[in-house]
């Protein structure tokens, strides 16, 4: 995707471990910076910590417990040159009620719902999001959810409702290690067979 600078956001108990493991990123030809999320306040809160790092560029957010087989670079390049302000990657899953879920009308995403008990589709929003820098202004308007977190689904749904979001549907493997033990096992099996 052409990304050379990466901000790693971690909770207080783990930040030092990432720094020790990854260092400056120079061994990967990258530049790493670090931020600490003081509390479990949600993905959108963690994203808000990147405001000074991003400046005015379009950028990618990748959840550290997600594994993707697909090459996402074409979508990133298209998004970089588009008028859209957000982009999500969707994947058809058997348990959409565990994720943010897209609702479609006439082939367009018209709503994103957080862990709906009766999902309107089987397409989950995966843990990679593309945004323009205006997202930080949107994060400031969020109210904590019932779980006390700033939800990334609320950010994404705002862009959907304003017709400023595009999306891609993934064909290859996608796994979320943080969703369940079964999800972690599925990712481990995939990596064992494909590395």
N, C-alpha and C. Protein backbone atom coordinates (compact mmCIF):
# COMPACT_ATOMS: atom_id res chain seq x y z
N UNK A 1 0.82 -1.20 0.00
CA UNK A 1 0.00 0.00 0.00
C UNK A 1 0.86 1.26 0.00
N UNK A 2 2.17 1.09 0.01
CA UNK A 2 3.06 2.24 -0.03
C UNK A 2 3.22 2.94 1.30
N UNK A 3 2.75 2.36 2.37
CA UNK A 3 2.82 2.99 3.69
C UNK A 3 4.21 2.77 4.27
N UNK A 4 4.82 3.84 4.74
CA UNK A 4 6.16 3.76 5.32
C UNK A 4 6.21 4.16 6.78
N UNK A 5 5.19 4.89 7.25
CA UNK A 5 5.13 5.33 8.64
C UNK A 5 3.91 4.71 9.30
N UNK A 6 4.12 4.07 10.44
CA UNK A 6 3.06 3.35 11.13
C UNK A 6 3.02 3.77 12.59
N UNK A 7 1.83 4.12 13.06
CA UNK A 7 1.60 4.40 14.46
C UNK A 7 0.98 3.17 15.09
N UNK A 8 1.60 2.67 16.14
CA UNK A 8 1.10 1.50 16.85
C UNK A 8 0.47 1.99 18.16
N UNK A 9 -0.83 1.71 18.33
CA UNK A 9 -1.55 2.12 19.53
C UNK A 9 -1.80 0.86 20.36
N UNK A 10 -1.42 0.92 21.62
CA UNK A 10 -1.57 -0.24 22.50
C UNK A 10 -2.04 0.22 23.87
N UNK A 11 -2.60 -0.72 24.62
CA UNK A 11 -2.95 -0.45 26.01
C UNK A 11 -1.71 -0.36 26.88
N UNK A 12 -1.89 0.18 28.08
CA UNK A 12 -0.75 0.44 28.97
C UNK A 12 0.06 -0.81 29.28
N UNK A 13 -0.60 -1.93 29.46
CA UNK A 13 0.11 -3.13 29.89
C UNK A 13 0.95 -3.79 28.81
N UNK A 14 0.80 -3.35 27.55
CA UNK A 14 1.47 -4.05 26.45
C UNK A 14 2.39 -3.16 25.61
N UNK A 15 2.32 -1.86 25.79
CA UNK A 15 3.07 -0.94 24.91
C UNK A 15 4.55 -1.24 24.92
N UNK A 16 5.12 -1.48 26.09
CA UNK A 16 6.55 -1.77 26.18
C UNK A 16 6.95 -3.03 25.44
N UNK A 17 6.07 -4.01 25.44
CA UNK A 17 6.36 -5.27 24.74
C UNK A 17 6.47 -5.04 23.23
N UNK A 18 5.54 -4.22 22.70
CA UNK A 18 5.59 -3.93 21.26
C UNK A 18 6.85 -3.16 20.91
N UNK A 19 7.21 -2.19 21.74
CA UNK A 19 8.41 -1.41 21.49
C UNK A 19 9.65 -2.29 21.51
N UNK A 20 9.72 -3.18 22.49
CA UNK A 20 10.87 -4.08 22.58
C UNK A 20 10.93 -5.04 21.39
N UNK A 21 9.78 -5.55 20.97
CA UNK A 21 9.73 -6.50 19.86
C UNK A 21 10.02 -5.84 18.51
N UNK A 22 9.40 -4.67 18.27
CA UNK A 22 9.44 -4.07 16.94
C UNK A 22 10.44 -2.94 16.79
N UNK A 23 10.80 -2.28 17.88
CA UNK A 23 11.76 -1.19 17.82
C UNK A 23 11.28 -0.04 16.96
N UNK A 24 12.19 0.55 16.23
CA UNK A 24 11.88 1.74 15.42
C UNK A 24 11.24 1.40 14.09
N UNK A 25 11.27 0.12 13.71
CA UNK A 25 10.74 -0.31 12.42
C UNK A 25 11.77 -0.30 11.31
N UNK A 26 12.97 0.20 11.60
CA UNK A 26 13.98 0.33 10.55
C UNK A 26 14.37 -1.01 9.94
N UNK A 27 14.30 -2.10 10.72
CA UNK A 27 14.65 -3.42 10.18
C UNK A 27 13.65 -3.89 9.14
N UNK A 28 12.47 -3.22 9.07
CA UNK A 28 11.46 -3.54 8.07
C UNK A 28 11.40 -2.48 6.98
N UNK A 29 12.30 -1.50 7.04
CA UNK A 29 12.26 -0.39 6.09
C UNK A 29 11.12 0.58 6.37
N UNK A 30 10.67 0.61 7.64
CA UNK A 30 9.54 1.44 8.04
C UNK A 30 9.93 2.34 9.21
N UNK A 31 9.04 3.25 9.54
CA UNK A 31 9.24 4.10 10.70
C UNK A 31 8.04 3.91 11.62
N UNK A 32 8.29 3.41 12.84
CA UNK A 32 7.23 3.18 13.80
C UNK A 32 7.19 4.29 14.84
N UNK A 33 5.98 4.66 15.22
CA UNK A 33 5.75 5.55 16.35
C UNK A 33 4.75 4.83 17.26
N UNK A 34 4.67 5.25 18.50
CA UNK A 34 3.84 4.56 19.48
C UNK A 34 2.97 5.53 20.26
N UNK A 35 1.76 5.08 20.58
CA UNK A 35 0.84 5.82 21.47
C UNK A 35 0.25 4.81 22.44
N UNK A 36 -0.10 5.28 23.62
CA UNK A 36 -0.70 4.43 24.65
C UNK A 36 -2.15 4.83 24.86
N UNK A 37 -3.05 3.87 24.75
CA UNK A 37 -4.46 4.08 25.07
C UNK A 37 -4.60 3.78 26.57
N UNK A 38 -4.89 4.80 27.34
CA UNK A 38 -4.88 4.69 28.80
C UNK A 38 -5.97 3.78 29.35
N UNK A 39 -7.07 3.63 28.62
CA UNK A 39 -8.19 2.82 29.09
C UNK A 39 -8.80 2.10 27.91
N UNK A 40 -9.62 1.11 28.19
CA UNK A 40 -10.30 0.38 27.12
C UNK A 40 -11.50 1.21 26.68
N UNK A 41 -11.26 2.22 25.84
CA UNK A 41 -12.31 3.15 25.44
C UNK A 41 -12.83 2.95 24.04
N UNK A 42 -12.43 1.86 23.39
CA UNK A 42 -12.94 1.56 22.06
C UNK A 42 -11.97 1.90 20.94
N UNK A 43 -12.24 1.33 19.78
CA UNK A 43 -11.38 1.53 18.61
C UNK A 43 -11.38 2.98 18.18
N UNK A 44 -12.53 3.63 18.21
CA UNK A 44 -12.59 5.03 17.78
C UNK A 44 -11.76 5.92 18.71
N UNK A 45 -11.77 5.61 20.00
CA UNK A 45 -10.93 6.38 20.93
C UNK A 45 -9.45 6.18 20.60
N UNK A 46 -9.06 4.93 20.34
CA UNK A 46 -7.67 4.65 19.97
C UNK A 46 -7.30 5.38 18.68
N UNK A 47 -8.21 5.40 17.73
CA UNK A 47 -7.97 6.11 16.47
C UNK A 47 -7.74 7.60 16.72
N UNK A 48 -8.49 8.17 17.65
CA UNK A 48 -8.34 9.59 17.98
C UNK A 48 -6.93 9.95 18.41
N UNK A 49 -6.18 8.99 18.95
CA UNK A 49 -4.80 9.24 19.39
C UNK A 49 -3.86 9.48 18.21
N UNK A 50 -4.31 9.17 17.00
CA UNK A 50 -3.47 9.31 15.80
C UNK A 50 -3.57 10.69 15.16
N UNK A 51 -4.35 11.58 15.74
CA UNK A 51 -4.61 12.89 15.10
C UNK A 51 -3.32 13.61 14.70
N UNK A 52 -2.38 13.77 15.60
CA UNK A 52 -1.15 14.50 15.29
C UNK A 52 -0.24 13.72 14.35
N UNK A 53 -0.32 12.41 14.39
CA UNK A 53 0.50 11.56 13.53
C UNK A 53 0.07 11.67 12.08
N UNK A 54 -1.22 11.78 11.83
CA UNK A 54 -1.78 11.72 10.48
C UNK A 54 -1.61 13.02 9.72
N UNK A 55 -1.74 14.15 10.36
CA UNK A 55 -1.73 15.45 9.70
C UNK A 55 -2.98 15.53 8.81
N UNK A 56 -2.83 15.74 7.49
CA UNK A 56 -4.00 15.89 6.62
C UNK A 56 -4.11 14.79 5.57
N UNK A 57 -3.35 13.73 5.72
CA UNK A 57 -3.32 12.66 4.74
C UNK A 57 -4.50 11.70 4.88
N UNK A 58 -4.82 10.99 3.79
CA UNK A 58 -5.69 9.82 3.90
C UNK A 58 -4.83 8.70 4.46
N UNK A 59 -5.45 7.79 5.20
CA UNK A 59 -4.65 6.79 5.91
C UNK A 59 -5.45 5.51 6.12
N UNK A 60 -4.74 4.46 6.52
CA UNK A 60 -5.35 3.15 6.80
C UNK A 60 -5.27 2.86 8.29
N UNK A 61 -6.31 2.22 8.80
CA UNK A 61 -6.34 1.72 10.17
C UNK A 61 -6.44 0.20 10.07
N UNK A 62 -5.55 -0.50 10.76
CA UNK A 62 -5.55 -1.96 10.74
C UNK A 62 -5.56 -2.45 12.18
N UNK A 63 -6.56 -3.24 12.53
CA UNK A 63 -6.59 -3.81 13.86
C UNK A 63 -5.55 -4.92 13.94
N UNK A 64 -4.77 -4.90 15.00
CA UNK A 64 -3.63 -5.81 15.12
C UNK A 64 -3.99 -7.27 15.26
N UNK A 65 -5.25 -7.58 15.56
CA UNK A 65 -5.65 -8.98 15.69
C UNK A 65 -6.36 -9.52 14.46
N UNK A 66 -6.30 -8.78 13.35
CA UNK A 66 -6.92 -9.22 12.10
C UNK A 66 -5.86 -9.70 11.11
N UNK A 67 -6.19 -10.75 10.36
CA UNK A 67 -5.29 -11.31 9.35
C UNK A 67 -6.04 -11.33 8.01
N UNK A 68 -5.42 -10.77 6.99
CA UNK A 68 -6.02 -10.67 5.65
C UNK A 68 -5.17 -11.41 4.64
N UNK A 69 -5.82 -12.18 3.78
CA UNK A 69 -5.14 -12.81 2.66
C UNK A 69 -5.13 -11.88 1.44
N UNK A 70 -6.19 -11.12 1.26
CA UNK A 70 -6.32 -10.26 0.08
C UNK A 70 -5.28 -9.14 0.09
N UNK A 71 -4.86 -8.75 -1.11
CA UNK A 71 -4.02 -7.56 -1.29
C UNK A 71 -4.96 -6.36 -1.27
N UNK A 72 -4.79 -5.48 -0.31
CA UNK A 72 -5.69 -4.33 -0.14
C UNK A 72 -5.19 -3.07 -0.85
N UNK A 73 -4.05 -3.17 -1.53
CA UNK A 73 -3.40 -1.98 -2.08
C UNK A 73 -4.22 -1.31 -3.19
N UNK A 74 -4.89 -2.08 -4.05
CA UNK A 74 -5.68 -1.45 -5.11
C UNK A 74 -6.79 -0.59 -4.53
N UNK A 75 -7.48 -1.11 -3.51
CA UNK A 75 -8.55 -0.34 -2.87
C UNK A 75 -7.99 0.91 -2.21
N UNK A 76 -6.82 0.78 -1.59
CA UNK A 76 -6.21 1.94 -0.94
C UNK A 76 -5.85 3.00 -1.97
N UNK A 77 -5.28 2.58 -3.08
CA UNK A 77 -4.91 3.54 -4.14
C UNK A 77 -6.14 4.22 -4.74
N UNK A 78 -7.20 3.44 -4.97
CA UNK A 78 -8.44 4.03 -5.48
C UNK A 78 -9.01 5.04 -4.48
N UNK A 79 -9.02 4.67 -3.20
CA UNK A 79 -9.54 5.55 -2.17
C UNK A 79 -8.72 6.84 -2.08
N UNK A 80 -7.42 6.72 -2.18
CA UNK A 80 -6.53 7.89 -2.10
C UNK A 80 -6.86 8.93 -3.16
N UNK A 81 -7.35 8.46 -4.32
CA UNK A 81 -7.64 9.36 -5.43
C UNK A 81 -9.13 9.66 -5.59
N UNK A 82 -9.94 9.26 -4.61
CA UNK A 82 -11.38 9.45 -4.73
C UNK A 82 -11.83 10.62 -3.84
N UNK A 83 -13.10 10.99 -4.02
CA UNK A 83 -13.71 12.03 -3.19
C UNK A 83 -14.28 11.45 -1.90
N UNK A 84 -14.34 10.13 -1.79
CA UNK A 84 -14.90 9.49 -0.60
C UNK A 84 -14.02 9.78 0.61
N UNK A 85 -14.65 9.78 1.79
CA UNK A 85 -13.92 10.08 3.02
C UNK A 85 -13.68 8.85 3.89
N UNK A 86 -14.25 7.71 3.49
CA UNK A 86 -14.06 6.47 4.24
C UNK A 86 -14.26 5.28 3.31
N UNK A 87 -13.65 4.16 3.69
CA UNK A 87 -13.77 2.92 2.94
C UNK A 87 -13.66 1.77 3.93
N UNK A 88 -14.52 0.77 3.78
CA UNK A 88 -14.43 -0.43 4.61
C UNK A 88 -14.30 -1.66 3.73
N UNK A 89 -13.80 -2.73 4.33
CA UNK A 89 -13.66 -4.02 3.66
C UNK A 89 -14.64 -4.99 4.32
N UNK A 90 -15.50 -5.57 3.51
CA UNK A 90 -16.53 -6.48 4.01
C UNK A 90 -16.16 -7.92 3.66
N UNK A 91 -16.59 -8.83 4.54
CA UNK A 91 -16.36 -10.25 4.30
C UNK A 91 -17.61 -11.02 4.72
N UNK A 92 -18.07 -11.92 3.84
CA UNK A 92 -19.22 -12.75 4.17
C UNK A 92 -18.79 -13.79 5.21
N UNK A 93 -19.54 -13.86 6.32
CA UNK A 93 -19.18 -14.75 7.43
C UNK A 93 -20.42 -15.53 7.88
N UNK A 94 -20.18 -16.60 8.65
CA UNK A 94 -21.29 -17.41 9.14
C UNK A 94 -21.87 -16.87 10.44
N UNK A 95 -21.14 -15.98 11.13
CA UNK A 95 -21.59 -15.45 12.42
C UNK A 95 -21.56 -13.91 12.44
N UNK A 96 -22.30 -13.27 11.54
CA UNK A 96 -22.21 -11.81 11.44
C UNK A 96 -22.63 -11.08 12.72
N UNK A 97 -23.44 -11.72 13.55
CA UNK A 97 -23.90 -11.06 14.77
C UNK A 97 -22.77 -10.73 15.75
N UNK A 98 -21.58 -11.24 15.48
CA UNK A 98 -20.41 -10.95 16.33
C UNK A 98 -19.65 -9.70 15.88
N UNK A 99 -20.10 -9.06 14.81
CA UNK A 99 -19.34 -7.96 14.19
C UNK A 99 -20.25 -6.77 13.88
N UNK A 100 -19.63 -5.72 13.37
CA UNK A 100 -20.40 -4.69 12.69
C UNK A 100 -20.88 -5.30 11.39
N UNK A 101 -22.14 -5.05 11.02
CA UNK A 101 -22.75 -5.72 9.85
C UNK A 101 -23.32 -4.67 8.91
N UNK A 102 -23.08 -4.87 7.62
CA UNK A 102 -23.61 -3.97 6.60
C UNK A 102 -25.03 -4.35 6.22
N UNK A 103 -25.88 -3.32 6.10
CA UNK A 103 -27.22 -3.51 5.55
C UNK A 103 -27.23 -2.89 4.16
N UNK A 104 -27.73 -3.66 3.19
CA UNK A 104 -27.74 -3.23 1.79
C UNK A 104 -29.14 -2.90 1.31
N UNK A 105 -29.20 -1.94 0.42
CA UNK A 105 -30.41 -1.68 -0.37
C UNK A 105 -29.96 -1.40 -1.79
N UNK A 106 -30.51 -2.13 -2.74
CA UNK A 106 -30.18 -1.97 -4.16
C UNK A 106 -28.67 -1.99 -4.40
N UNK A 107 -27.97 -2.88 -3.71
CA UNK A 107 -26.54 -3.03 -3.93
C UNK A 107 -25.67 -2.00 -3.24
N UNK A 108 -26.25 -1.13 -2.46
CA UNK A 108 -25.49 -0.10 -1.73
C UNK A 108 -25.57 -0.36 -0.24
N UNK A 109 -24.47 -0.10 0.46
CA UNK A 109 -24.50 -0.16 1.92
C UNK A 109 -25.23 1.09 2.41
N UNK A 110 -26.30 0.88 3.19
CA UNK A 110 -27.10 2.02 3.67
C UNK A 110 -27.04 2.16 5.18
N UNK A 111 -26.45 1.17 5.87
CA UNK A 111 -26.34 1.25 7.31
C UNK A 111 -25.32 0.22 7.79
N UNK A 112 -24.65 0.54 8.88
CA UNK A 112 -23.77 -0.43 9.53
C UNK A 112 -24.24 -0.54 10.98
N UNK A 113 -24.53 -1.75 11.38
CA UNK A 113 -25.06 -2.01 12.72
C UNK A 113 -24.03 -2.77 13.55
N UNK A 114 -23.89 -2.41 14.82
CA UNK A 114 -22.93 -3.07 15.70
C UNK A 114 -23.54 -4.30 16.35
N UNK A 115 -22.99 -5.46 16.04
CA UNK A 115 -23.40 -6.74 16.62
C UNK A 115 -24.92 -6.89 16.74
N UNK A 116 -25.63 -6.80 15.63
CA UNK A 116 -27.10 -6.91 15.70
C UNK A 116 -27.53 -8.35 16.00
N UNK A 117 -28.51 -8.53 16.89
CA UNK A 117 -28.98 -9.89 17.18
C UNK A 117 -29.57 -10.59 15.96
N UNK A 118 -30.20 -9.80 15.07
CA UNK A 118 -30.73 -10.34 13.81
C UNK A 118 -30.04 -9.57 12.68
N UNK A 119 -28.92 -10.10 12.18
CA UNK A 119 -28.14 -9.37 11.17
C UNK A 119 -28.92 -9.16 9.87
N UNK A 120 -28.83 -7.97 9.27
CA UNK A 120 -29.52 -7.71 8.01
C UNK A 120 -28.81 -8.31 6.80
N UNK A 121 -27.58 -8.79 6.99
CA UNK A 121 -26.84 -9.47 5.93
C UNK A 121 -25.80 -10.35 6.60
N UNK A 122 -25.06 -11.09 5.80
CA UNK A 122 -23.98 -11.92 6.35
C UNK A 122 -22.62 -11.27 6.11
N UNK A 123 -22.61 -9.96 5.80
CA UNK A 123 -21.36 -9.26 5.50
C UNK A 123 -20.87 -8.46 6.71
N UNK A 124 -19.77 -8.93 7.29
CA UNK A 124 -19.16 -8.28 8.43
C UNK A 124 -18.19 -7.20 7.96
N UNK A 125 -18.08 -6.15 8.75
CA UNK A 125 -17.07 -5.12 8.52
C UNK A 125 -15.79 -5.62 9.18
N UNK A 126 -14.75 -5.78 8.40
CA UNK A 126 -13.47 -6.30 8.90
C UNK A 126 -12.68 -5.20 9.59
N UNK A 127 -11.54 -5.58 10.15
CA UNK A 127 -10.73 -4.65 10.93
C UNK A 127 -9.71 -3.87 10.14
N UNK A 128 -10.05 -3.46 8.93
CA UNK A 128 -9.24 -2.51 8.17
C UNK A 128 -10.16 -1.43 7.65
N UNK A 129 -9.82 -0.17 7.95
CA UNK A 129 -10.64 0.97 7.56
C UNK A 129 -9.73 2.00 6.91
N UNK A 130 -10.24 2.69 5.91
CA UNK A 130 -9.52 3.78 5.27
C UNK A 130 -10.29 5.07 5.53
N UNK A 131 -9.57 6.13 5.91
CA UNK A 131 -10.22 7.39 6.25
C UNK A 131 -9.44 8.58 5.71
N UNK A 132 -10.16 9.68 5.56
CA UNK A 132 -9.51 10.98 5.38
C UNK A 132 -9.37 11.60 6.77
N UNK A 133 -8.56 12.63 6.88
CA UNK A 133 -8.25 13.22 8.18
C UNK A 133 -9.46 13.84 8.87
N UNK A 134 -10.54 14.08 8.12
CA UNK A 134 -11.74 14.64 8.74
C UNK A 134 -12.36 13.70 9.77
N UNK A 135 -11.94 12.44 9.77
CA UNK A 135 -12.49 11.49 10.72
C UNK A 135 -12.27 11.94 12.16
N UNK A 136 -11.21 12.68 12.41
CA UNK A 136 -10.93 13.09 13.79
C UNK A 136 -11.98 14.07 14.31
N UNK A 137 -12.53 14.89 13.42
CA UNK A 137 -13.62 15.77 13.82
C UNK A 137 -14.87 14.97 14.15
N UNK A 138 -15.11 13.91 13.39
CA UNK A 138 -16.26 13.05 13.65
C UNK A 138 -16.11 12.33 14.99
N UNK A 139 -14.92 11.86 15.30
CA UNK A 139 -14.69 11.15 16.57
C UNK A 139 -15.03 12.05 17.75
N UNK A 140 -14.74 13.34 17.65
CA UNK A 140 -15.04 14.28 18.74
C UNK A 140 -16.52 14.35 19.06
N UNK A 141 -17.39 14.02 18.10
CA UNK A 141 -18.83 14.13 18.30
C UNK A 141 -19.44 12.86 18.91
N UNK A 142 -18.67 11.79 19.01
CA UNK A 142 -19.22 10.51 19.47
C UNK A 142 -19.55 10.53 20.95
N UNK A 143 -20.59 9.78 21.29
CA UNK A 143 -20.95 9.53 22.68
C UNK A 143 -20.65 8.06 22.98
N UNK A 144 -20.20 7.74 24.19
CA UNK A 144 -19.92 6.34 24.52
C UNK A 144 -21.15 5.47 24.36
N UNK A 145 -20.92 4.25 23.91
CA UNK A 145 -22.00 3.27 23.75
C UNK A 145 -22.38 2.70 25.11
N UNK A 146 -23.31 1.76 25.11
CA UNK A 146 -23.74 1.11 26.35
C UNK A 146 -22.57 0.40 27.03
N UNK A 147 -21.54 -0.02 26.25
CA UNK A 147 -20.38 -0.65 26.87
C UNK A 147 -19.33 0.36 27.30
N UNK A 148 -19.65 1.66 27.17
CA UNK A 148 -18.74 2.70 27.64
C UNK A 148 -17.60 2.99 26.68
N UNK A 149 -17.75 2.62 25.41
CA UNK A 149 -16.69 2.80 24.42
C UNK A 149 -17.14 3.69 23.28
N UNK A 150 -16.16 4.32 22.63
CA UNK A 150 -16.44 5.05 21.39
C UNK A 150 -16.34 4.03 20.27
N UNK A 151 -17.46 3.77 19.62
CA UNK A 151 -17.56 2.67 18.66
C UNK A 151 -17.14 3.09 17.25
N UNK A 152 -16.29 2.30 16.63
CA UNK A 152 -15.88 2.56 15.26
C UNK A 152 -17.08 2.36 14.31
N UNK A 153 -18.03 1.52 14.70
CA UNK A 153 -19.24 1.34 13.88
C UNK A 153 -20.00 2.65 13.76
N UNK A 154 -20.04 3.46 14.82
CA UNK A 154 -20.73 4.75 14.75
C UNK A 154 -20.03 5.68 13.76
N UNK A 155 -18.70 5.64 13.74
CA UNK A 155 -17.94 6.44 12.77
C UNK A 155 -18.29 5.99 11.35
N UNK A 156 -18.21 4.69 11.12
CA UNK A 156 -18.48 4.16 9.78
C UNK A 156 -19.92 4.42 9.34
N UNK A 157 -20.86 4.27 10.26
CA UNK A 157 -22.26 4.50 9.91
C UNK A 157 -22.51 5.98 9.56
N UNK A 158 -21.80 6.89 10.22
CA UNK A 158 -21.91 8.31 9.87
C UNK A 158 -21.55 8.53 8.41
N UNK A 159 -20.44 7.93 7.96
CA UNK A 159 -20.01 8.10 6.57
C UNK A 159 -20.97 7.42 5.59
N UNK A 160 -21.53 6.29 5.99
CA UNK A 160 -22.53 5.63 5.15
C UNK A 160 -23.74 6.54 4.97
N UNK A 161 -24.25 7.06 6.08
CA UNK A 161 -25.46 7.90 6.03
C UNK A 161 -25.23 9.18 5.21
N UNK A 162 -24.00 9.66 5.18
CA UNK A 162 -23.67 10.87 4.41
C UNK A 162 -23.18 10.56 3.00
N UNK A 163 -23.28 9.28 2.61
CA UNK A 163 -22.87 8.82 1.27
C UNK A 163 -21.41 9.17 0.95
N UNK A 164 -20.57 9.07 1.96
CA UNK A 164 -19.16 9.38 1.80
C UNK A 164 -18.28 8.16 1.99
N UNK A 165 -18.90 6.97 2.01
CA UNK A 165 -18.14 5.74 2.21
C UNK A 165 -18.25 4.84 0.99
N UNK A 166 -17.12 4.22 0.65
CA UNK A 166 -17.09 3.18 -0.36
C UNK A 166 -16.75 1.86 0.36
N UNK A 167 -16.86 0.75 -0.36
CA UNK A 167 -16.54 -0.53 0.26
C UNK A 167 -16.02 -1.51 -0.78
N UNK A 168 -15.31 -2.51 -0.28
CA UNK A 168 -14.85 -3.65 -1.09
C UNK A 168 -15.29 -4.92 -0.38
N UNK A 169 -15.55 -5.95 -1.17
CA UNK A 169 -15.87 -7.26 -0.60
C UNK A 169 -14.65 -8.16 -0.80
N UNK A 170 -14.16 -8.73 0.28
CA UNK A 170 -12.97 -9.57 0.24
C UNK A 170 -13.31 -10.97 -0.26
N UNK A 171 -12.41 -11.51 -1.09
CA UNK A 171 -12.57 -12.88 -1.59
C UNK A 171 -11.79 -13.88 -0.76
N UNK A 172 -10.61 -13.47 -0.31
CA UNK A 172 -9.71 -14.39 0.38
C UNK A 172 -10.00 -14.52 1.86
N UNK A 173 -9.11 -15.19 2.54
CA UNK A 173 -9.26 -15.44 3.98
C UNK A 173 -9.21 -14.14 4.76
N UNK A 174 -10.08 -14.04 5.75
CA UNK A 174 -10.00 -12.99 6.76
C UNK A 174 -10.28 -13.64 8.11
N UNK A 175 -9.44 -13.35 9.08
CA UNK A 175 -9.65 -13.88 10.42
C UNK A 175 -9.46 -12.80 11.46
N UNK A 176 -10.27 -12.87 12.51
CA UNK A 176 -10.22 -11.94 13.63
C UNK A 176 -9.84 -12.73 14.87
N UNK A 177 -8.57 -12.62 15.28
CA UNK A 177 -8.07 -13.39 16.42
C UNK A 177 -8.72 -12.98 17.74
N UNK A 178 -9.29 -11.77 17.79
CA UNK A 178 -9.86 -11.29 19.03
C UNK A 178 -11.33 -11.59 19.21
N UNK A 179 -11.96 -12.17 18.22
CA UNK A 179 -13.42 -12.40 18.28
C UNK A 179 -13.75 -13.56 19.21
N UNK A 180 -12.99 -14.63 19.15
CA UNK A 180 -13.28 -15.81 19.98
C UNK A 180 -12.07 -16.74 19.92
N UNK A 181 -12.07 -17.75 20.80
CA UNK A 181 -11.02 -18.78 20.76
C UNK A 181 -11.09 -19.53 19.43
N UNK A 182 -12.30 -19.79 18.95
CA UNK A 182 -12.45 -20.46 17.65
C UNK A 182 -11.85 -19.62 16.54
N UNK A 183 -12.06 -18.29 16.60
CA UNK A 183 -11.49 -17.40 15.60
C UNK A 183 -9.96 -17.41 15.63
N UNK A 184 -9.41 -17.42 16.84
CA UNK A 184 -7.96 -17.49 17.00
C UNK A 184 -7.42 -18.80 16.43
N UNK A 185 -8.11 -19.90 16.70
CA UNK A 185 -7.69 -21.20 16.19
C UNK A 185 -7.76 -21.25 14.67
N UNK A 186 -8.81 -20.66 14.09
CA UNK A 186 -8.95 -20.63 12.64
C UNK A 186 -7.79 -19.87 11.99
N UNK A 187 -7.42 -18.74 12.58
CA UNK A 187 -6.28 -17.96 12.06
C UNK A 187 -5.00 -18.76 12.19
N UNK A 188 -4.79 -19.41 13.34
CA UNK A 188 -3.57 -20.20 13.54
C UNK A 188 -3.46 -21.32 12.49
N UNK A 189 -4.57 -21.98 12.22
CA UNK A 189 -4.56 -23.05 11.20
C UNK A 189 -4.26 -22.49 9.82
N UNK A 190 -4.86 -21.34 9.51
CA UNK A 190 -4.60 -20.71 8.22
C UNK A 190 -3.12 -20.36 8.08
N UNK A 191 -2.56 -19.73 9.10
CA UNK A 191 -1.15 -19.35 9.04
C UNK A 191 -0.24 -20.56 8.95
N UNK A 192 -0.57 -21.61 9.70
CA UNK A 192 0.24 -22.83 9.66
C UNK A 192 0.26 -23.42 8.24
N UNK A 193 -0.86 -23.35 7.55
CA UNK A 193 -0.95 -23.95 6.21
C UNK A 193 -0.40 -23.05 5.12
N UNK A 194 -0.27 -21.75 5.39
CA UNK A 194 0.06 -20.82 4.30
C UNK A 194 1.37 -20.06 4.48
N UNK A 195 2.08 -20.31 5.54
CA UNK A 195 3.37 -19.62 5.71
C UNK A 195 4.52 -20.54 5.45
